[in-house]
Amino acid sequence: MFSKNINKKLKWSGIHFITGVILLCLLGLFIINVWFDNGRYLLTDLFGLAVIILSLDLILGPLLSLWLLSPIKSFKENVINISVILLLQFSSLAYGVLQIDSQRLAYIIKWQGSYFAVTKSDSRKGDNQEQFYTFKEPAVGSELRASYESQIKSSISPIEMFEFFEKSSFEKECGTICGVITKKGVVNVTKENKELAFNKSLH
């Protein structure tokens, strides 16, 4: 009897694991092909973050199933337990997806002659559409200078001060190619079929 119960628990946990693998693979394909296509994954440590978050979610469900589900328990108890497990798992997954979404490119800003890729998590702008901007520092004595200096004192980087951004474009700033500074180093940005594309810099 004990052996049968263990085998059934392992079977349920295995089904949960396989289902999780399939769903996470589909989610991963969506993330890499839609959110981080054309080399956008090079702008951040996407793989490290995704592996940690998705692996935790993949392990969490089957382990909880193995622990909480049992053929000895009533149908109602198992339904309640699996509902709690799925709620925890989907909550964990939703949090993970939000963290991954926060690493998407918000905009590229030119400051002091260099281009910086800013992610959504670092952006203070509400509207993030991968736009090119240039930073225009307010002149000393101008009306906006006080606001600029106040933000500097608050440890806000100029590449986050959207109040002083001027809209630009890839064509105007780069022509055919630009080197963009990211958290992972320098990445080249080009334009292919009217879409931005990113490649690892050789420098």
N, C-alpha and C. Protein backbone atom coordinates (compact mmCIF):
# COMPACT_ATOMS: atom_id res chain seq x y z
N MET A 1 0.84 -1.22 0.00
CA MET A 1 0.00 0.00 0.00
C MET A 1 0.87 1.26 0.00
N PHE A 2 1.88 1.25 0.90
CA PHE A 2 2.76 2.41 1.00
C PHE A 2 3.49 2.65 -0.32
N SER A 3 3.95 1.56 -0.92
CA SER A 3 4.67 1.66 -2.19
C SER A 3 3.77 2.21 -3.30
N LYS A 4 2.50 1.79 -3.31
CA LYS A 4 1.54 2.27 -4.32
C LYS A 4 1.29 3.77 -4.15
N ASN A 5 1.18 4.20 -2.88
CA ASN A 5 0.94 5.61 -2.62
C ASN A 5 2.12 6.47 -3.10
N ILE A 6 3.33 5.98 -2.81
CA ILE A 6 4.53 6.71 -3.23
C ILE A 6 4.59 6.78 -4.75
N ASN A 7 4.30 5.67 -5.41
CA ASN A 7 4.33 5.63 -6.88
C ASN A 7 3.32 6.59 -7.49
N LYS A 8 2.14 6.67 -6.86
CA LYS A 8 1.11 7.57 -7.36
C LYS A 8 1.51 9.03 -7.16
N LYS A 9 2.09 9.32 -5.99
CA LYS A 9 2.56 10.69 -5.72
C LYS A 9 3.65 11.09 -6.71
N LEU A 10 4.56 10.15 -6.99
CA LEU A 10 5.63 10.41 -7.95
C LEU A 10 5.07 10.62 -9.35
N LYS A 11 4.03 9.86 -9.70
CA LYS A 11 3.40 9.99 -11.01
C LYS A 11 2.76 11.36 -11.16
N TRP A 12 2.00 11.79 -10.14
CA TRP A 12 1.36 13.10 -10.18
C TRP A 12 2.40 14.22 -10.25
N SER A 13 3.46 14.07 -9.45
CA SER A 13 4.52 15.07 -9.46
C SER A 13 5.21 15.11 -10.82
N GLY A 14 5.40 13.94 -11.44
CA GLY A 14 6.02 13.86 -12.76
C GLY A 14 5.17 14.53 -13.82
N ILE A 15 3.87 14.30 -13.76
CA ILE A 15 2.94 14.94 -14.71
C ILE A 15 3.00 16.46 -14.56
N HIS A 16 3.04 16.90 -13.29
CA HIS A 16 3.12 18.34 -13.01
C HIS A 16 4.42 18.91 -13.58
N PHE A 17 5.51 18.17 -13.42
CA PHE A 17 6.81 18.63 -13.91
C PHE A 17 6.82 18.73 -15.44
N ILE A 18 6.34 17.70 -16.12
CA ILE A 18 6.33 17.69 -17.59
C ILE A 18 5.44 18.81 -18.14
N THR A 19 4.27 18.98 -17.51
CA THR A 19 3.37 20.07 -17.92
C THR A 19 4.06 21.42 -17.74
N GLY A 20 4.76 21.56 -16.61
CA GLY A 20 5.48 22.81 -16.34
C GLY A 20 6.57 23.07 -17.36
N VAL A 21 7.30 22.02 -17.74
CA VAL A 21 8.37 22.16 -18.75
C VAL A 21 7.79 22.65 -20.07
N ILE A 22 6.68 22.06 -20.48
CA ILE A 22 6.06 22.45 -21.76
C ILE A 22 5.61 23.91 -21.73
N LEU A 23 4.92 24.30 -20.64
CA LEU A 23 4.41 25.67 -20.53
C LEU A 23 5.55 26.68 -20.46
N LEU A 24 6.60 26.35 -19.70
CA LEU A 24 7.72 27.27 -19.57
C LEU A 24 8.52 27.38 -20.86
N CYS A 25 8.60 26.29 -21.62
CA CYS A 25 9.27 26.34 -22.93
C CYS A 25 8.51 27.26 -23.88
N LEU A 26 7.18 27.16 -23.87
CA LEU A 26 6.36 28.04 -24.72
C LEU A 26 6.52 29.49 -24.30
N LEU A 27 6.53 29.72 -22.98
CA LEU A 27 6.71 31.09 -22.47
C LEU A 27 8.10 31.60 -22.83
N GLY A 28 9.11 30.74 -22.69
CA GLY A 28 10.46 31.14 -23.04
C GLY A 28 10.60 31.51 -24.51
N LEU A 29 9.95 30.75 -25.38
CA LEU A 29 9.97 31.05 -26.82
C LEU A 29 9.34 32.40 -27.10
N PHE A 30 8.24 32.69 -26.40
CA PHE A 30 7.58 33.99 -26.58
C PHE A 30 8.50 35.11 -26.14
N ILE A 31 9.12 34.95 -24.97
CA ILE A 31 9.99 36.00 -24.41
C ILE A 31 11.17 36.29 -25.33
N ILE A 32 11.84 35.24 -25.81
CA ILE A 32 13.04 35.44 -26.62
C ILE A 32 12.71 35.90 -28.04
N ASN A 33 11.56 35.49 -28.58
CA ASN A 33 11.21 35.83 -29.96
C ASN A 33 10.37 37.09 -30.11
N VAL A 34 9.76 37.55 -29.02
CA VAL A 34 8.92 38.74 -29.08
C VAL A 34 9.52 39.89 -28.27
N TRP A 35 9.83 39.64 -27.02
CA TRP A 35 10.36 40.69 -26.15
C TRP A 35 11.84 40.97 -26.38
N PHE A 36 12.61 39.94 -26.68
CA PHE A 36 14.07 40.10 -26.80
C PHE A 36 14.59 39.62 -28.14
N ASP A 37 13.83 39.92 -29.19
CA ASP A 37 14.23 39.51 -30.53
C ASP A 37 15.33 40.42 -31.07
N ASN A 38 15.89 40.04 -32.21
CA ASN A 38 16.92 40.83 -32.89
C ASN A 38 18.10 41.19 -31.97
N GLY A 39 18.46 40.27 -31.09
CA GLY A 39 19.64 40.48 -30.25
C GLY A 39 19.42 41.32 -29.01
N ARG A 40 18.16 41.64 -28.68
CA ARG A 40 17.90 42.46 -27.49
C ARG A 40 18.32 41.77 -26.19
N TYR A 41 18.43 40.45 -26.24
CA TYR A 41 18.87 39.72 -25.04
C TYR A 41 20.31 40.08 -24.68
N LEU A 42 21.07 40.67 -25.61
CA LEU A 42 22.44 41.07 -25.35
C LEU A 42 22.53 42.30 -24.45
N LEU A 43 21.40 43.01 -24.30
CA LEU A 43 21.41 44.26 -23.54
C LEU A 43 21.37 44.04 -22.04
N THR A 44 21.07 42.83 -21.60
CA THR A 44 20.95 42.56 -20.17
C THR A 44 21.26 41.10 -19.90
N ASP A 45 21.34 40.72 -18.66
CA ASP A 45 21.63 39.32 -18.31
C ASP A 45 20.32 38.54 -18.31
N LEU A 46 19.70 38.46 -19.47
CA LEU A 46 18.39 37.82 -19.58
C LEU A 46 18.45 36.34 -19.21
N PHE A 47 19.42 35.63 -19.73
CA PHE A 47 19.45 34.19 -19.52
C PHE A 47 19.66 33.84 -18.05
N GLY A 48 20.57 34.57 -17.40
CA GLY A 48 20.80 34.31 -15.98
C GLY A 48 19.55 34.54 -15.16
N LEU A 49 18.87 35.67 -15.43
CA LEU A 49 17.65 36.00 -14.70
C LEU A 49 16.54 35.00 -15.01
N ALA A 50 16.35 34.68 -16.28
CA ALA A 50 15.27 33.76 -16.68
C ALA A 50 15.48 32.36 -16.12
N VAL A 51 16.72 31.88 -16.15
CA VAL A 51 17.01 30.54 -15.64
C VAL A 51 16.68 30.44 -14.15
N ILE A 52 17.08 31.45 -13.39
CA ILE A 52 16.81 31.45 -11.95
C ILE A 52 15.32 31.47 -11.68
N ILE A 53 14.61 32.40 -12.32
CA ILE A 53 13.17 32.58 -12.06
C ILE A 53 12.37 31.38 -12.55
N LEU A 54 12.60 30.96 -13.78
CA LEU A 54 11.81 29.87 -14.35
C LEU A 54 12.15 28.53 -13.72
N SER A 55 13.41 28.34 -13.33
CA SER A 55 13.80 27.09 -12.68
C SER A 55 13.13 26.96 -11.31
N LEU A 56 13.10 28.06 -10.58
CA LEU A 56 12.43 28.04 -9.28
C LEU A 56 10.97 27.68 -9.43
N ASP A 57 10.33 28.26 -10.45
CA ASP A 57 8.92 27.97 -10.68
C ASP A 57 8.73 26.52 -11.12
N LEU A 58 9.65 26.02 -11.93
CA LEU A 58 9.56 24.65 -12.43
C LEU A 58 9.74 23.63 -11.30
N ILE A 59 10.61 23.94 -10.35
CA ILE A 59 10.87 23.04 -9.23
C ILE A 59 9.80 23.14 -8.16
N LEU A 60 9.29 24.36 -7.94
CA LEU A 60 8.32 24.61 -6.87
C LEU A 60 7.07 23.76 -6.99
N GLY A 61 6.45 23.76 -8.17
CA GLY A 61 5.19 23.04 -8.36
C GLY A 61 5.28 21.55 -8.10
N PRO A 62 6.19 20.84 -8.79
CA PRO A 62 6.30 19.39 -8.58
C PRO A 62 6.65 19.00 -7.14
N LEU A 63 7.50 19.78 -6.48
CA LEU A 63 7.86 19.48 -5.09
C LEU A 63 6.65 19.62 -4.17
N LEU A 64 5.88 20.68 -4.39
CA LEU A 64 4.67 20.87 -3.57
C LEU A 64 3.64 19.78 -3.87
N SER A 65 3.56 19.37 -5.14
CA SER A 65 2.65 18.28 -5.51
C SER A 65 3.05 16.99 -4.79
N LEU A 66 4.34 16.70 -4.79
CA LEU A 66 4.84 15.49 -4.13
C LEU A 66 4.56 15.51 -2.64
N TRP A 67 4.63 16.70 -2.08
CA TRP A 67 4.44 16.85 -0.63
C TRP A 67 2.97 16.85 -0.22
N LEU A 68 2.15 17.61 -0.96
CA LEU A 68 0.77 17.85 -0.51
C LEU A 68 -0.28 16.90 -1.09
N LEU A 69 -0.05 16.41 -2.31
CA LEU A 69 -1.05 15.53 -2.92
C LEU A 69 -0.84 14.08 -2.48
N SER A 70 -1.94 13.38 -2.27
CA SER A 70 -1.84 11.98 -1.82
C SER A 70 -3.11 11.22 -2.17
N PRO A 71 -2.96 9.99 -2.63
CA PRO A 71 -4.15 9.16 -2.92
C PRO A 71 -4.92 8.78 -1.65
N ILE A 72 -4.26 8.96 -0.50
CA ILE A 72 -4.93 8.66 0.77
C ILE A 72 -5.94 9.75 1.12
N LYS A 73 -5.64 10.97 0.69
CA LYS A 73 -6.52 12.10 0.99
C LYS A 73 -7.78 12.06 0.12
N SER A 74 -8.80 12.76 0.59
CA SER A 74 -10.05 12.81 -0.17
C SER A 74 -9.89 13.64 -1.43
N PHE A 75 -10.83 13.45 -2.36
CA PHE A 75 -10.81 14.21 -3.61
C PHE A 75 -10.85 15.72 -3.31
N LYS A 76 -11.67 16.11 -2.34
CA LYS A 76 -11.80 17.53 -2.00
C LYS A 76 -10.49 18.10 -1.47
N GLU A 77 -9.80 17.34 -0.62
CA GLU A 77 -8.52 17.79 -0.07
C GLU A 77 -7.49 17.98 -1.17
N ASN A 78 -7.44 17.03 -2.09
CA ASN A 78 -6.48 17.13 -3.19
C ASN A 78 -6.79 18.30 -4.11
N VAL A 79 -8.07 18.55 -4.34
CA VAL A 79 -8.46 19.69 -5.18
C VAL A 79 -8.04 21.00 -4.52
N ILE A 80 -8.26 21.10 -3.22
CA ILE A 80 -7.86 22.31 -2.48
C ILE A 80 -6.34 22.48 -2.54
N ASN A 81 -5.62 21.38 -2.32
CA ASN A 81 -4.15 21.44 -2.32
C ASN A 81 -3.59 21.83 -3.69
N ILE A 82 -4.13 21.22 -4.75
CA ILE A 82 -3.62 21.54 -6.08
C ILE A 82 -3.96 22.97 -6.46
N SER A 83 -5.11 23.46 -5.96
CA SER A 83 -5.50 24.86 -6.21
C SER A 83 -4.52 25.81 -5.54
N VAL A 84 -4.14 25.49 -4.31
CA VAL A 84 -3.16 26.31 -3.59
C VAL A 84 -1.81 26.27 -4.29
N ILE A 85 -1.40 25.08 -4.73
CA ILE A 85 -0.12 24.92 -5.44
C ILE A 85 -0.10 25.76 -6.72
N LEU A 86 -1.16 25.67 -7.51
CA LEU A 86 -1.23 26.41 -8.77
C LEU A 86 -1.25 27.92 -8.53
N LEU A 87 -1.95 28.33 -7.46
CA LEU A 87 -2.00 29.76 -7.12
C LEU A 87 -0.60 30.26 -6.78
N LEU A 88 0.12 29.50 -5.96
CA LEU A 88 1.49 29.88 -5.60
C LEU A 88 2.40 29.88 -6.83
N GLN A 89 2.22 28.88 -7.65
CA GLN A 89 3.08 28.74 -8.82
C GLN A 89 2.84 29.86 -9.83
N PHE A 90 1.57 30.17 -10.09
CA PHE A 90 1.27 31.23 -11.04
C PHE A 90 1.66 32.60 -10.50
N SER A 91 1.54 32.78 -9.18
CA SER A 91 1.96 34.04 -8.56
C SER A 91 3.47 34.21 -8.72
N SER A 92 4.20 33.12 -8.47
CA SER A 92 5.66 33.14 -8.63
C SER A 92 6.04 33.40 -10.08
N LEU A 93 5.33 32.77 -11.00
CA LEU A 93 5.62 32.94 -12.42
C LEU A 93 5.31 34.36 -12.87
N ALA A 94 4.19 34.92 -12.40
CA ALA A 94 3.82 36.29 -12.76
C ALA A 94 4.87 37.28 -12.29
N TYR A 95 5.36 37.07 -11.07
CA TYR A 95 6.41 37.94 -10.54
C TYR A 95 7.67 37.82 -11.40
N GLY A 96 8.01 36.59 -11.76
CA GLY A 96 9.19 36.36 -12.59
C GLY A 96 9.07 37.02 -13.95
N VAL A 97 7.90 36.91 -14.57
CA VAL A 97 7.68 37.52 -15.89
C VAL A 97 7.78 39.04 -15.80
N LEU A 98 7.27 39.61 -14.70
CA LEU A 98 7.38 41.06 -14.51
C LEU A 98 8.84 41.49 -14.38
N GLN A 99 9.63 40.67 -13.68
CA GLN A 99 11.06 40.98 -13.54
C GLN A 99 11.77 40.91 -14.89
N ILE A 100 11.41 39.93 -15.69
CA ILE A 100 12.00 39.80 -17.03
C ILE A 100 11.56 40.97 -17.91
N ASP A 101 10.28 41.33 -17.82
CA ASP A 101 9.76 42.46 -18.60
C ASP A 101 10.49 43.76 -18.25
N SER A 102 10.87 43.91 -16.98
CA SER A 102 11.55 45.13 -16.55
C SER A 102 12.94 45.28 -17.18
N GLN A 103 13.47 44.20 -17.75
CA GLN A 103 14.79 44.24 -18.38
C GLN A 103 14.72 44.57 -19.87
N ARG A 104 13.53 44.82 -20.37
CA ARG A 104 13.39 45.18 -21.78
C ARG A 104 13.90 46.59 -22.03
N LEU A 105 14.33 46.84 -23.26
CA LEU A 105 14.88 48.14 -23.63
C LEU A 105 13.79 49.21 -23.57
N ALA A 106 14.11 50.30 -22.88
CA ALA A 106 13.17 51.43 -22.81
C ALA A 106 13.53 52.48 -23.87
N TYR A 107 14.79 52.89 -23.86
CA TYR A 107 15.25 53.89 -24.84
C TYR A 107 16.76 53.89 -24.88
N ILE A 108 17.31 54.60 -25.87
CA ILE A 108 18.75 54.79 -25.99
C ILE A 108 19.02 56.28 -25.93
N ILE A 109 19.92 56.66 -25.02
CA ILE A 109 20.18 58.07 -24.79
C ILE A 109 21.64 58.40 -25.08
N LYS A 110 21.87 59.52 -25.78
CA LYS A 110 23.23 60.00 -26.02
C LYS A 110 23.58 61.03 -24.96
N TRP A 111 24.64 60.73 -24.22
CA TRP A 111 25.09 61.63 -23.16
C TRP A 111 26.62 61.70 -23.18
N GLN A 112 27.15 62.90 -23.23
CA GLN A 112 28.59 63.14 -23.27
C GLN A 112 29.28 62.33 -24.38
N GLY A 113 28.63 62.26 -25.52
CA GLY A 113 29.22 61.62 -26.68
C GLY A 113 29.09 60.12 -26.75
N SER A 114 28.47 59.50 -25.74
CA SER A 114 28.29 58.05 -25.73
C SER A 114 26.81 57.71 -25.71
N TYR A 115 26.49 56.50 -26.19
CA TYR A 115 25.10 56.05 -26.22
C TYR A 115 24.90 54.99 -25.12
N PHE A 116 23.79 55.13 -24.40
CA PHE A 116 23.47 54.23 -23.30
C PHE A 116 22.11 53.58 -23.52
N ALA A 117 22.06 52.27 -23.34
CA ALA A 117 20.79 51.55 -23.42
C ALA A 117 20.20 51.49 -22.02
N VAL A 118 18.99 52.02 -21.86
CA VAL A 118 18.34 52.07 -20.55
C VAL A 118 17.16 51.11 -20.54
N THR A 119 17.11 50.26 -19.53
CA THR A 119 16.02 49.29 -19.43
C THR A 119 14.79 49.90 -18.75
N LYS A 120 13.67 49.22 -18.84
CA LYS A 120 12.44 49.72 -18.25
C LYS A 120 12.55 49.87 -16.73
N SER A 121 13.34 48.99 -16.10
CA SER A 121 13.49 49.07 -14.65
C SER A 121 14.25 50.32 -14.21
N ASP A 122 15.09 50.84 -15.10
CA ASP A 122 15.88 52.04 -14.78
C ASP A 122 15.25 53.31 -15.34
N SER A 123 14.23 53.17 -16.14
CA SER A 123 13.61 54.33 -16.78
C SER A 123 12.63 55.03 -15.84
N ARG A 124 12.69 56.34 -15.87
CA ARG A 124 11.73 57.15 -15.11
C ARG A 124 10.59 57.64 -16.02
N LYS A 125 10.71 57.32 -17.30
CA LYS A 125 9.68 57.71 -18.26
C LYS A 125 8.51 56.74 -18.21
N GLY A 126 7.33 57.25 -18.43
CA GLY A 126 6.16 56.37 -18.47
C GLY A 126 5.99 55.73 -19.84
N ASP A 127 6.51 56.39 -20.86
CA ASP A 127 6.35 55.92 -22.23
C ASP A 127 7.70 55.42 -22.76
N ASN A 128 7.84 54.10 -22.88
CA ASN A 128 9.11 53.52 -23.32
C ASN A 128 8.91 52.78 -24.64
N GLN A 129 9.46 53.36 -25.72
CA GLN A 129 9.25 52.79 -27.05
C GLN A 129 10.55 52.64 -27.84
N GLU A 130 11.64 52.41 -27.14
CA GLU A 130 12.95 52.21 -27.78
C GLU A 130 13.35 53.41 -28.64
N GLN A 131 12.96 54.58 -28.21
CA GLN A 131 13.27 55.81 -28.93
C GLN A 131 14.72 56.25 -28.66
N PHE A 132 15.32 56.90 -29.63
CA PHE A 132 16.62 57.52 -29.44
C PHE A 132 16.42 58.93 -28.90
N TYR A 133 17.26 59.31 -27.93
CA TYR A 133 17.22 60.66 -27.37
C TYR A 133 18.64 61.19 -27.22
N THR A 134 18.75 62.51 -27.13
CA THR A 134 20.01 63.14 -26.74
C THR A 134 19.74 63.92 -25.46
N PHE A 135 20.74 63.97 -24.59
CA PHE A 135 20.58 64.69 -23.33
C PHE A 135 21.06 66.13 -23.51
N LYS A 136 20.21 67.07 -23.13
CA LYS A 136 20.56 68.48 -23.25
C LYS A 136 20.62 69.07 -21.84
N GLU A 137 21.83 69.24 -21.35
CA GLU A 137 22.01 69.77 -20.00
C GLU A 137 21.60 71.24 -19.95
N PRO A 138 20.76 71.61 -18.97
CA PRO A 138 20.32 73.00 -18.86
C PRO A 138 21.51 73.94 -18.58
N ALA A 139 21.49 75.08 -19.21
CA ALA A 139 22.57 76.04 -19.02
C ALA A 139 22.56 76.60 -17.60
N VAL A 140 23.74 76.93 -17.11
CA VAL A 140 23.85 77.52 -15.78
C VAL A 140 23.08 78.84 -15.76
N GLY A 141 22.23 78.99 -14.74
CA GLY A 141 21.44 80.21 -14.60
C GLY A 141 20.07 80.13 -15.27
N SER A 142 19.82 79.03 -16.04
CA SER A 142 18.52 78.88 -16.69
C SER A 142 17.47 78.38 -15.70
N GLU A 143 16.20 78.47 -16.10
CA GLU A 143 15.10 78.07 -15.21
C GLU A 143 15.16 76.59 -14.86
N LEU A 144 15.61 75.76 -15.80
CA LEU A 144 15.63 74.31 -15.57
C LEU A 144 16.86 73.83 -14.81
N ARG A 145 17.84 74.72 -14.63
CA ARG A 145 19.09 74.30 -13.98
C ARG A 145 18.87 73.83 -12.55
N ALA A 146 17.97 74.51 -11.83
CA ALA A 146 17.70 74.14 -10.44
C ALA A 146 17.14 72.72 -10.35
N SER A 147 16.25 72.38 -11.29
CA SER A 147 15.69 71.03 -11.31
C SER A 147 16.77 70.00 -11.61
N TYR A 148 17.65 70.34 -12.54
CA TYR A 148 18.74 69.44 -12.91
C TYR A 148 19.66 69.19 -11.71
N GLU A 149 20.05 70.25 -11.03
CA GLU A 149 20.95 70.12 -9.88
C GLU A 149 20.29 69.38 -8.73
N SER A 150 18.98 69.56 -8.58
CA SER A 150 18.24 68.86 -7.53
C SER A 150 18.25 67.35 -7.79
N GLN A 151 18.08 66.96 -9.05
CA GLN A 151 18.10 65.54 -9.39
C GLN A 151 19.49 64.94 -9.23
N ILE A 152 20.52 65.72 -9.54
CA ILE A 152 21.89 65.27 -9.34
C ILE A 152 22.12 64.98 -7.85
N LYS A 153 21.64 65.88 -6.99
CA LYS A 153 21.79 65.69 -5.54
C LYS A 153 21.03 64.47 -5.06
N SER A 154 19.96 64.10 -5.79
CA SER A 154 19.15 62.92 -5.43
C SER A 154 19.71 61.64 -6.05
N SER A 155 20.93 61.75 -6.59
CA SER A 155 21.63 60.61 -7.20
C SER A 155 20.91 60.03 -8.41
N ILE A 156 20.21 60.88 -9.14
CA ILE A 156 19.58 60.47 -10.39
C ILE A 156 20.56 60.72 -11.53
N SER A 157 20.84 59.67 -12.29
CA SER A 157 21.79 59.78 -13.39
C SER A 157 21.21 60.63 -14.52
N PRO A 158 22.05 61.40 -15.20
CA PRO A 158 21.56 62.18 -16.35
C PRO A 158 20.86 61.33 -17.41
N ILE A 159 21.28 60.05 -17.55
CA ILE A 159 20.64 59.21 -18.58
C ILE A 159 19.22 58.81 -18.18
N GLU A 160 18.81 59.17 -16.96
CA GLU A 160 17.45 58.91 -16.50
C GLU A 160 16.61 60.18 -16.43
N MET A 161 17.23 61.33 -16.66
CA MET A 161 16.53 62.62 -16.54
C MET A 161 15.78 62.94 -17.83
N PHE A 162 14.64 62.29 -18.02
CA PHE A 162 13.90 62.45 -19.27
C PHE A 162 13.40 63.88 -19.48
N GLU A 163 13.35 64.67 -18.41
CA GLU A 163 12.90 66.06 -18.54
C GLU A 163 13.80 66.88 -19.47
N PHE A 164 15.03 66.40 -19.63
CA PHE A 164 16.00 67.13 -20.44
C PHE A 164 16.39 66.37 -21.71
N PHE A 165 15.55 65.44 -22.11
CA PHE A 165 15.80 64.67 -23.34
C PHE A 165 15.26 65.41 -24.55
N GLU A 166 15.96 65.26 -25.65
CA GLU A 166 15.46 65.74 -26.95
C GLU A 166 15.34 64.53 -27.86
N LYS A 167 14.19 64.37 -28.47
CA LYS A 167 13.95 63.21 -29.32
C LYS A 167 14.86 63.24 -30.53
N SER A 168 15.40 62.07 -30.84
CA SER A 168 16.27 61.94 -32.01
C SER A 168 15.88 60.66 -32.75
N SER A 169 16.80 60.12 -33.53
CA SER A 169 16.50 58.91 -34.28
C SER A 169 17.79 58.14 -34.55
N PHE A 170 17.64 56.87 -34.91
CA PHE A 170 18.80 56.04 -35.24
C PHE A 170 19.55 56.63 -36.44
N GLU A 171 18.80 57.03 -37.44
CA GLU A 171 19.41 57.55 -38.66
C GLU A 171 20.24 58.81 -38.37
N LYS A 172 19.71 59.67 -37.53
CA LYS A 172 20.39 60.92 -37.23
C LYS A 172 21.62 60.68 -36.36
N GLU A 173 21.51 59.78 -35.39
CA GLU A 173 22.60 59.55 -34.45
C GLU A 173 23.65 58.58 -34.96
N CYS A 174 23.22 57.53 -35.61
CA CYS A 174 24.14 56.45 -35.95
C CYS A 174 24.46 56.34 -37.43
N GLY A 175 23.51 56.65 -38.26
CA GLY A 175 23.70 56.43 -39.70
C GLY A 175 23.51 54.96 -40.02
N THR A 176 24.55 54.16 -39.83
CA THR A 176 24.44 52.73 -40.12
C THR A 176 24.69 51.84 -38.90
N ILE A 177 25.52 52.34 -37.95
CA ILE A 177 25.84 51.52 -36.78
C ILE A 177 26.29 52.39 -35.62
N CYS A 178 25.95 51.96 -34.40
CA CYS A 178 26.36 52.66 -33.18
C CYS A 178 26.82 51.65 -32.15
N GLY A 179 27.75 52.06 -31.31
CA GLY A 179 28.13 51.25 -30.17
C GLY A 179 27.35 51.76 -28.96
N VAL A 180 26.60 50.87 -28.32
CA VAL A 180 25.75 51.26 -27.20
C VAL A 180 26.26 50.62 -25.91
N ILE A 181 26.39 51.42 -24.87
CA ILE A 181 26.86 50.92 -23.57
C ILE A 181 25.68 50.30 -22.82
N THR A 182 25.85 49.06 -22.39
CA THR A 182 24.82 48.35 -21.62
C THR A 182 25.43 47.85 -20.32
N LYS A 183 24.61 47.19 -19.50
CA LYS A 183 25.08 46.63 -18.25
C LYS A 183 26.05 45.47 -18.48
N LYS A 184 26.03 44.92 -19.70
CA LYS A 184 26.89 43.78 -20.02
C LYS A 184 28.06 44.16 -20.92
N GLY A 185 28.22 45.45 -21.16
CA GLY A 185 29.30 45.89 -22.03
C GLY A 185 28.78 46.64 -23.24
N VAL A 186 29.61 46.74 -24.26
CA VAL A 186 29.24 47.49 -25.47
C VAL A 186 28.59 46.56 -26.48
N VAL A 187 27.45 47.00 -27.02
CA VAL A 187 26.72 46.23 -28.03
C VAL A 187 26.51 47.13 -29.24
N ASN A 188 26.68 46.58 -30.43
CA ASN A 188 26.44 47.33 -31.66
C ASN A 188 24.95 47.33 -32.00
N VAL A 189 24.45 48.47 -32.41
CA VAL A 189 23.06 48.55 -32.86
C VAL A 189 23.05 48.98 -34.33
N THR A 190 22.27 48.26 -35.12
CA THR A 190 22.08 48.58 -36.54
C THR A 190 20.58 48.60 -36.80
N LYS A 191 20.24 48.76 -38.06
CA LYS A 191 18.82 48.73 -38.42
C LYS A 191 18.65 47.78 -39.59
N GLU A 192 17.77 46.80 -39.41
CA GLU A 192 17.48 45.82 -40.45
C GLU A 192 15.98 45.75 -40.69
N ASN A 193 15.56 45.98 -41.92
CA ASN A 193 14.13 45.98 -42.26
C ASN A 193 13.33 46.92 -41.36
N LYS A 194 13.91 48.11 -41.14
CA LYS A 194 13.29 49.17 -40.34
C LYS A 194 13.16 48.82 -38.86
N GLU A 195 13.84 47.77 -38.42
CA GLU A 195 13.82 47.36 -37.02
C GLU A 195 15.22 47.43 -36.44
N LEU A 196 15.34 47.88 -35.18
CA LEU A 196 16.64 47.90 -34.53
C LEU A 196 17.12 46.47 -34.31
N ALA A 197 18.41 46.26 -34.53
CA ALA A 197 19.00 44.94 -34.32
C ALA A 197 20.30 45.13 -33.54
N PHE A 198 20.58 44.20 -32.63
CA PHE A 198 21.73 44.33 -31.74
C PHE A 198 22.68 43.15 -31.93
N ASN A 199 23.98 43.47 -31.97
CA ASN A 199 25.02 42.46 -32.14
C ASN A 199 26.15 42.74 -31.17
N LYS A 200 26.81 41.68 -30.74
CA LYS A 200 27.90 41.83 -29.79
C LYS A 200 29.04 42.59 -30.43
N SER A 201 29.51 43.63 -29.72
CA SER A 201 30.64 44.42 -30.21
C SER A 201 31.93 43.63 -30.11
N LEU A 202 32.84 43.83 -31.07
CA LEU A 202 34.13 43.16 -31.05
C LEU A 202 35.14 43.92 -30.21
N HIS A 203 34.76 45.13 -29.76
CA HIS A 203 35.69 45.96 -28.99
C HIS A 203 35.48 45.72 -27.51
